[in-house]
Protein backbone atom coordinates (compact mmCIF):
# COMPACT_ATOMS: atom_id res chain seq x y z
CA MET A 1 0.00 0.00 0.00
CA GLY A 2 1.66 3.24 -1.15
CA PHE A 3 1.70 6.49 0.75
CA PHE A 4 -0.54 8.18 -1.82
CA ASP A 5 -3.13 5.39 -1.92
CA PHE A 6 -5.57 7.51 0.06
CA LEU A 7 -5.62 9.84 -2.96
CA THR A 8 -6.66 6.98 -5.24
CA GLU A 9 -10.32 6.10 -5.73
CA GLU A 10 -11.54 2.90 -7.35
CA ILE A 11 -14.40 2.90 -9.85
CA ALA A 12 -15.89 0.29 -12.17
CA ILE A 13 -17.52 1.50 -15.39
CA ASP A 14 -19.91 -0.24 -17.75
CA LEU A 15 -19.64 2.05 -20.75
CA GLY A 16 -22.69 0.98 -22.74
CA THR A 17 -24.22 2.17 -26.00
CA ALA A 18 -27.53 2.86 -24.27
CA ASN A 19 -26.61 3.33 -20.60
CA THR A 20 -23.50 4.08 -18.58
CA LEU A 21 -23.23 2.63 -15.08
CA ILE A 22 -20.54 3.39 -12.52
CA ILE A 23 -19.82 1.55 -9.27
CA HIS A 24 -17.93 3.23 -6.42
CA ASN A 25 -17.52 1.64 -2.96
CA ASP A 26 -19.71 -1.34 -4.00
CA LYS A 27 -22.67 0.91 -4.83
CA VAL A 28 -24.07 1.87 -8.23
CA VAL A 29 -23.62 5.65 -8.07
CA VAL A 30 -24.33 6.52 -11.72
CA ASP A 31 -26.98 4.88 -13.88
CA ALA A 32 -27.78 7.18 -16.79
CA PRO A 33 -28.38 7.06 -20.55
CA SER A 34 -25.18 7.44 -22.63
CA ILE A 35 -26.27 10.63 -24.34
CA VAL A 36 -24.90 14.17 -24.51
CA ALA A 37 -26.62 17.44 -25.47
CA ARG A 38 -24.27 20.13 -26.74
CA ASP A 39 -24.28 23.56 -28.37
CA ARG A 40 -23.55 23.26 -32.09
CA THR A 41 -21.59 26.52 -32.29
CA THR A 42 -19.52 26.57 -29.10
CA ARG A 43 -19.38 22.72 -28.76
CA LYS A 44 -20.08 23.24 -25.06
CA ILE A 45 -21.86 20.39 -23.25
CA ILE A 46 -25.29 21.51 -22.03
CA ALA A 47 -26.47 18.29 -20.41
CA VAL A 48 -25.57 14.61 -20.07
CA GLY A 49 -27.48 11.48 -19.10
CA THR A 50 -31.14 11.66 -18.12
CA GLU A 51 -31.38 15.41 -18.71
CA ALA A 52 -29.95 15.10 -22.24
CA ASN A 53 -32.22 12.11 -22.90
CA LEU A 54 -35.32 14.25 -22.25
CA MET A 55 -34.10 16.63 -24.98
CA GLN A 56 -33.72 13.89 -27.59
CA GLY A 57 -35.80 14.58 -30.67
CA LYS A 58 -37.00 17.91 -29.24
CA THR A 59 -34.04 20.21 -29.91
CA HIS A 60 -33.80 23.33 -32.06
CA LYS A 61 -31.03 23.99 -34.56
CA ASN A 62 -28.50 25.29 -32.00
CA ILE A 63 -28.58 22.17 -29.84
CA GLU A 64 -27.73 18.64 -30.90
CA THR A 65 -28.07 15.41 -28.95
CA VAL A 66 -25.24 12.94 -29.52
CA ARG A 67 -24.83 9.33 -28.51
CA PRO A 68 -21.04 9.06 -28.23
CA LEU A 69 -21.01 5.26 -28.40
CA LYS A 70 -22.14 3.26 -31.37
CA ASP A 71 -22.24 -0.56 -31.43
CA GLY A 72 -20.50 -0.66 -28.05
CA VAL A 73 -17.46 1.37 -29.15
CA ILE A 74 -16.56 5.05 -28.99
CA ALA A 75 -17.76 6.86 -32.11
CA ASP A 76 -17.41 10.46 -30.89
CA PHE A 77 -14.17 10.73 -28.94
CA ASP A 78 -14.66 14.25 -27.62
CA ALA A 79 -18.27 13.79 -26.47
CA SER A 80 -17.54 10.46 -24.79
CA GLU A 81 -14.64 11.92 -22.83
CA GLN A 82 -16.70 14.85 -21.57
CA MET A 83 -19.57 12.50 -20.75
CA ILE A 84 -17.34 10.17 -18.69
CA ASN A 85 -15.80 13.20 -16.99
CA MET A 86 -19.20 14.64 -16.00
CA PHE A 87 -20.46 11.28 -14.77
CA ILE A 88 -17.35 10.84 -12.60
CA LYS A 89 -17.76 14.36 -11.21
CA ASP A 90 -21.35 13.41 -10.28
CA ILE A 91 -20.18 10.65 -7.92
CA PRO A 92 -21.30 11.93 -4.48
CA ALA A 93 -18.18 10.75 -2.58
CA LEU A 94 -15.79 12.43 -5.05
CA LYS A 95 -17.68 15.75 -4.96
CA LYS A 96 -16.67 16.29 -1.32
CA LYS A 97 -12.93 15.86 -1.94
CA TRP A 98 -10.60 18.86 -2.00
CA ILE A 99 -8.08 17.25 -4.33
CA THR A 100 -9.20 15.47 -7.49
CA PRO A 101 -8.23 11.87 -6.77
CA SER A 102 -6.46 9.72 -9.32
CA LEU A 103 -8.59 6.77 -10.34
CA ARG A 104 -8.09 3.05 -10.57
CA MET A 105 -10.65 1.90 -13.12
CA VAL A 106 -12.01 -1.29 -14.58
CA ILE A 107 -13.98 -0.68 -17.78
CA CYS A 108 -15.86 -3.32 -19.74
CA ILE A 109 -15.66 -3.55 -23.53
CA PRO A 110 -17.37 -5.73 -26.18
CA SER A 111 -15.57 -8.98 -27.00
CA GLY A 112 -15.43 -8.24 -30.73
CA ILE A 113 -13.56 -4.93 -30.25
CA THR A 114 -10.41 -4.11 -32.27
CA ALA A 115 -7.08 -3.00 -30.80
CA VAL A 116 -7.64 0.57 -32.06
CA GLU A 117 -11.08 0.77 -30.42
CA MET A 118 -9.59 -0.64 -27.23
CA ARG A 119 -6.97 2.09 -27.19
CA ALA A 120 -9.66 4.74 -27.68
CA VAL A 121 -11.45 3.56 -24.53
CA LYS A 122 -8.18 3.44 -22.60
CA GLU A 123 -7.05 6.92 -23.66
CA SER A 124 -10.45 8.38 -22.80
CA ALA A 125 -10.13 6.90 -19.32
CA GLU A 126 -6.56 8.16 -18.86
CA ARG A 127 -7.59 11.69 -19.79
CA VAL A 128 -10.16 11.78 -16.99
CA ASN A 129 -7.45 11.11 -14.40
CA GLY A 130 -7.28 7.33 -14.74
CA LYS A 131 -4.00 6.23 -13.18
CA GLU A 132 -4.50 2.48 -13.56
CA VAL A 133 -6.91 1.38 -16.27
CA TYR A 134 -7.96 -2.24 -16.73
CA LEU A 135 -10.33 -3.51 -19.40
CA ILE A 136 -12.57 -6.56 -19.22
CA HIS A 137 -14.68 -8.24 -21.89
CA GLU A 138 -18.43 -7.79 -21.42
CA PRO A 139 -19.50 -11.48 -21.42
CA MET A 140 -16.79 -12.18 -18.84
CA ALA A 141 -18.03 -9.34 -16.60
CA ALA A 142 -21.63 -10.52 -17.10
CA ALA A 143 -20.71 -14.08 -16.05
CA ILE A 144 -19.00 -12.82 -12.87
CA GLY A 145 -21.98 -10.53 -12.19
CA ILE A 146 -24.47 -13.38 -12.57
CA GLY A 147 -22.49 -15.37 -10.00
CA VAL A 148 -20.88 -18.00 -12.25
CA ASP A 149 -17.52 -19.27 -10.99
CA ILE A 150 -15.53 -18.60 -14.15
CA MET A 151 -12.28 -20.14 -12.85
CA GLN A 152 -13.74 -23.68 -12.76
CA PRO A 153 -12.90 -26.14 -15.55
CA LYS A 154 -16.54 -26.04 -16.57
CA GLY A 155 -18.25 -24.50 -19.60
CA ASN A 156 -20.81 -21.72 -19.23
CA MET A 157 -22.61 -19.90 -22.01
CA ILE A 158 -23.45 -16.22 -21.62
CA VAL A 159 -25.63 -14.17 -23.97
CA ASP A 160 -25.39 -10.46 -23.17
CA ILE A 161 -27.89 -8.38 -25.17
CA GLY A 162 -27.03 -4.71 -24.71
CA GLY A 163 -27.92 -1.57 -26.61
CA GLY A 164 -25.42 -1.77 -29.47
CA THR A 165 -24.14 -5.35 -29.51
CA THR A 166 -25.14 -8.85 -28.50
CA GLU A 167 -22.20 -10.71 -26.99
CA ILE A 168 -22.32 -14.50 -27.01
CA ALA A 169 -19.49 -16.36 -25.29
CA VAL A 170 -18.57 -19.75 -23.92
CA ILE A 171 -16.40 -19.33 -20.83
CA ALA A 172 -14.21 -21.87 -19.03
CA LEU A 173 -11.09 -21.68 -16.82
CA GLY A 174 -11.25 -17.89 -16.62
CA GLY A 175 -11.10 -17.39 -20.39
CA ILE A 176 -13.34 -17.07 -23.43
CA VAL A 177 -13.22 -20.30 -25.46
CA CYS A 178 -15.38 -19.17 -28.36
CA ASP A 179 -17.38 -16.00 -28.81
CA LYS A 180 -19.41 -14.03 -31.28
CA SER A 181 -20.29 -10.36 -31.19
CA VAL A 182 -23.24 -9.29 -33.38
CA LYS A 183 -24.34 -5.73 -33.94
CA ILE A 184 -27.99 -6.56 -33.34
CA ALA A 185 -29.34 -5.48 -29.97
CA GLY A 186 -31.62 -2.94 -28.30
CA ASP A 187 -30.98 -0.13 -30.82
CA VAL A 188 -31.83 -2.37 -33.77
CA PHE A 189 -35.03 -3.46 -32.01
CA THR A 190 -35.98 0.21 -31.59
CA ASN A 191 -35.36 0.88 -35.31
CA ASP A 192 -37.41 -2.20 -36.24
CA ILE A 193 -40.35 -0.75 -34.29
CA ILE A 194 -39.99 2.68 -36.00
CA TYR A 195 -39.95 0.95 -39.42
CA TYR A 196 -42.96 -1.23 -38.56
CA MET A 197 -45.05 1.76 -37.39
CA ARG A 198 -44.22 3.59 -40.63
CA THR A 199 -45.03 0.73 -42.98
CA GLN A 200 -48.06 -0.77 -41.20
CA HIS A 201 -49.74 2.27 -39.63
CA ASN A 202 -48.35 5.18 -41.71
CA LEU A 203 -47.26 6.63 -38.38
CA TYR A 204 -43.91 8.33 -37.95
CA VAL A 205 -42.64 7.91 -34.38
CA GLY A 206 -39.40 9.10 -32.80
CA GLU A 207 -36.69 7.08 -31.12
CA ARG A 208 -37.92 7.78 -27.59
CA THR A 209 -41.48 6.69 -28.42
CA ALA A 210 -40.21 3.49 -30.06
CA GLU A 211 -38.02 2.76 -27.02
CA ASN A 212 -41.07 3.23 -24.80
CA ILE A 213 -43.13 0.82 -26.95
CA LYS A 214 -40.32 -1.74 -26.66
CA ILE A 215 -40.26 -1.46 -22.85
CA GLN A 216 -44.05 -1.40 -22.36
CA ILE A 217 -45.20 -4.12 -24.77
CA GLY A 218 -42.08 -5.51 -26.49
CA ALA A 219 -42.20 -9.28 -27.02
CA ALA A 220 -40.14 -11.91 -28.80
CA THR A 221 -42.97 -14.35 -29.36
CA GLU A 222 -46.72 -14.14 -29.94
CA ASP A 223 -47.70 -16.78 -27.38
CA LEU A 224 -47.07 -15.16 -24.01
CA ASP A 225 -48.44 -16.47 -20.72
CA LEU A 226 -49.08 -12.96 -19.34
CA PRO A 227 -49.66 -10.69 -22.36
CA PRO A 228 -49.44 -6.91 -21.76
CA ASP A 229 -52.39 -4.64 -22.67
CA ASP A 230 -52.52 -2.77 -25.98
CA LEU A 231 -50.68 0.54 -26.00
CA PRO A 232 -51.85 3.83 -27.54
CA VAL A 233 -49.01 5.30 -29.64
CA GLN A 234 -48.87 8.94 -30.76
CA GLY A 235 -46.90 10.25 -33.71
CA ARG A 236 -47.24 12.02 -37.03
CA ASP A 237 -49.47 10.70 -39.80
CA LEU A 238 -47.32 10.29 -42.93
CA LEU A 239 -50.28 10.86 -45.28
CA THR A 240 -51.96 13.93 -43.78
CA GLY A 241 -49.08 15.32 -41.71
CA LYS A 242 -51.40 15.62 -38.69
CA PRO A 243 -50.57 14.21 -35.25
CA LYS A 244 -52.49 10.97 -34.68
CA GLN A 245 -52.80 8.03 -32.30
CA VAL A 246 -53.05 4.31 -33.03
CA GLN A 247 -53.46 1.26 -30.79
CA THR A 248 -50.74 -1.35 -31.05
CA SER A 249 -50.42 -4.79 -29.46
CA TYR A 250 -47.52 -6.95 -28.32
CA ARG A 251 -48.28 -9.34 -31.21
CA GLU A 252 -47.46 -6.62 -33.73
CA ILE A 253 -44.20 -5.80 -31.94
CA ALA A 254 -43.28 -9.51 -31.91
CA LYS A 255 -43.76 -9.50 -35.71
CA ALA A 256 -41.66 -6.34 -36.04
CA LEU A 257 -38.76 -7.79 -34.04
CA ASP A 258 -38.92 -11.30 -35.50
CA LYS A 259 -36.11 -10.93 -38.10
CA SER A 260 -33.62 -9.41 -35.65
CA ILE A 261 -34.31 -12.05 -33.01
CA LEU A 262 -33.85 -14.76 -35.64
CA ARG A 263 -30.37 -13.42 -36.31
CA ILE A 264 -29.53 -13.52 -32.60
CA GLU A 265 -30.83 -17.12 -32.47
CA ASP A 266 -28.63 -18.05 -35.44
CA SER A 267 -25.58 -16.51 -33.76
CA VAL A 268 -26.26 -18.51 -30.58
CA MET A 269 -26.55 -21.70 -32.68
CA GLU A 270 -23.34 -20.87 -34.53
CA THR A 271 -21.44 -20.36 -31.25
CA LEU A 272 -22.83 -23.65 -29.92
CA SER A 273 -21.68 -25.41 -33.10
CA ARG A 274 -18.12 -24.15 -32.52
CA THR A 275 -18.02 -25.20 -28.86
CA PRO A 276 -15.64 -28.09 -27.98
CA PRO A 277 -17.59 -31.28 -27.12
CA GLU A 278 -16.58 -31.43 -23.43
CA LEU A 279 -17.81 -27.87 -22.89
CA ALA A 280 -20.97 -28.59 -24.90
CA ALA A 281 -21.70 -31.37 -22.40
CA ASP A 282 -21.33 -28.86 -19.54
CA ILE A 283 -23.64 -26.36 -21.25
CA TYR A 284 -26.24 -29.12 -21.68
CA ASN A 285 -26.31 -29.38 -17.88
CA THR A 286 -25.93 -25.70 -16.93
CA GLY A 287 -28.00 -24.08 -19.71
CA ILE A 288 -27.63 -20.57 -21.13
CA TYR A 289 -27.48 -17.37 -19.08
CA LEU A 290 -29.02 -14.16 -20.41
CA ALA A 291 -27.88 -10.70 -19.29
CA GLY A 292 -28.21 -7.11 -20.50
CA GLY A 293 -31.32 -4.97 -21.03
CA GLY A 294 -32.35 -6.84 -24.20
CA SER A 295 -32.87 -10.05 -22.23
CA MET A 296 -35.89 -8.43 -20.54
CA LEU A 297 -37.84 -8.72 -23.81
CA ARG A 298 -40.93 -10.79 -22.94
CA GLY A 299 -40.71 -14.39 -24.10
CA LEU A 300 -37.12 -14.20 -25.36
CA ASP A 301 -35.90 -16.85 -22.91
CA LYS A 302 -38.74 -19.15 -23.99
CA ARG A 303 -37.94 -18.63 -27.66
CA LEU A 304 -34.20 -19.28 -27.22
CA SER A 305 -34.99 -22.35 -25.13
CA GLN A 306 -37.19 -23.79 -27.91
CA LYS A 307 -34.50 -23.10 -30.53
CA THR A 308 -31.58 -24.61 -28.59
CA ASP A 309 -33.42 -27.27 -26.52
CA LEU A 310 -31.51 -25.98 -23.49
CA PRO A 311 -32.71 -24.32 -20.28
CA VAL A 312 -32.34 -20.51 -20.48
CA TYR A 313 -32.00 -18.38 -17.34
CA ILE A 314 -32.29 -14.61 -17.10
CA ALA A 315 -29.94 -12.95 -14.61
CA GLU A 316 -31.57 -11.12 -11.72
CA ASP A 317 -31.43 -7.40 -12.50
CA PRO A 318 -29.98 -8.12 -15.99
CA LEU A 319 -29.33 -4.42 -16.66
CA ARG A 320 -26.72 -4.33 -13.89
CA ALA A 321 -25.18 -7.79 -14.26
CA VAL A 322 -22.24 -6.49 -16.29
CA VAL A 323 -21.43 -3.57 -14.00
CA ARG A 324 -21.77 -5.81 -10.92
CA GLY A 325 -19.22 -8.21 -12.43
CA THR A 326 -16.92 -5.30 -13.24
CA GLY A 327 -17.23 -4.13 -9.63
CA ILE A 328 -16.36 -7.61 -8.30
CA CYS A 329 -13.21 -7.64 -10.49
CA LEU A 330 -12.24 -4.24 -9.12
CA LYS A 331 -12.48 -5.51 -5.54
CA ASN A 332 -10.51 -8.69 -6.27
CA LEU A 333 -7.91 -7.45 -8.76
CA ALA A 334 -5.40 -10.13 -7.73
CA LYS A 335 -7.90 -12.97 -8.21
CA TYR A 336 -9.12 -11.81 -11.61
CA LYS A 337 -5.72 -10.62 -12.93
CA SER A 338 -5.83 -13.21 -15.73
CA VAL A 339 -9.23 -11.96 -16.95
CA LEU A 340 -8.31 -8.27 -17.11
CA ILE A 341 -6.54 -6.59 -20.00
CA LYS A 342 -3.96 -4.10 -18.77
């Protein structure tokens, strides 16, 4: 323990396409949408997180809302850095400090990320006072967060459906044996709903409305045990240009999302087909674990179970499984040294 260790704070970050979560002292202190509102002329950040999310689709020409991460990787370097910086400054315990502490961070990244994209994440973290920066692959963090003992010589399959990417991985002995990262996840589902409303109802809806439809009545299959009620949706009529409202049901949304979910199913099957036989035997016994916000889609576990003939389990609080795992790694750096990328 060095003399200056009291000046070092430890934080775990799940830098997601849709949401950013930060853990400090074993508590989730930041849970906000990964979105930034800034002035187009001065490039000054006006709002981040929830506040910026409320502005989405409602701005005038001087303000733009930007999502700095696309498909799980940094697309807008400047905006992402300022966003991370503002989120860190929002941590209650760090606000009270006189001196800005240097940070020891663990950040999770998609498994299909390139070396260049990895460096972008690392440099962003170093610029916001990151003294020690470790990276961890998302499916690995999700597995630890779910409570799977990843160090055992036993195969476990994790499917992490986030906002920008779906990460599918088979994990054994503290490493990823085979994985697949597909760019079909929550954002694609939202776009599918926008497209469906346009083509079937001649109704033009915004991203926030489509996201709301997905949360309220989104479904992966048409035969649900507890179907949600129909939802009134407001938008603009494409024929008359007038605002209008239509009723939509979960069955329609299941139809709208069908193609994208098929592609996720195919990716799961492809990963299973590449799994070594001994690990496949383990997965037959343990089943598949689902994490990430996309796994909360009604009936998705049932649909995947029918496709793979395996039991499918959804993590408790799937939205926070990844950040919980990242937090556990941060606390036990020595134990999980082999999993982290320095």
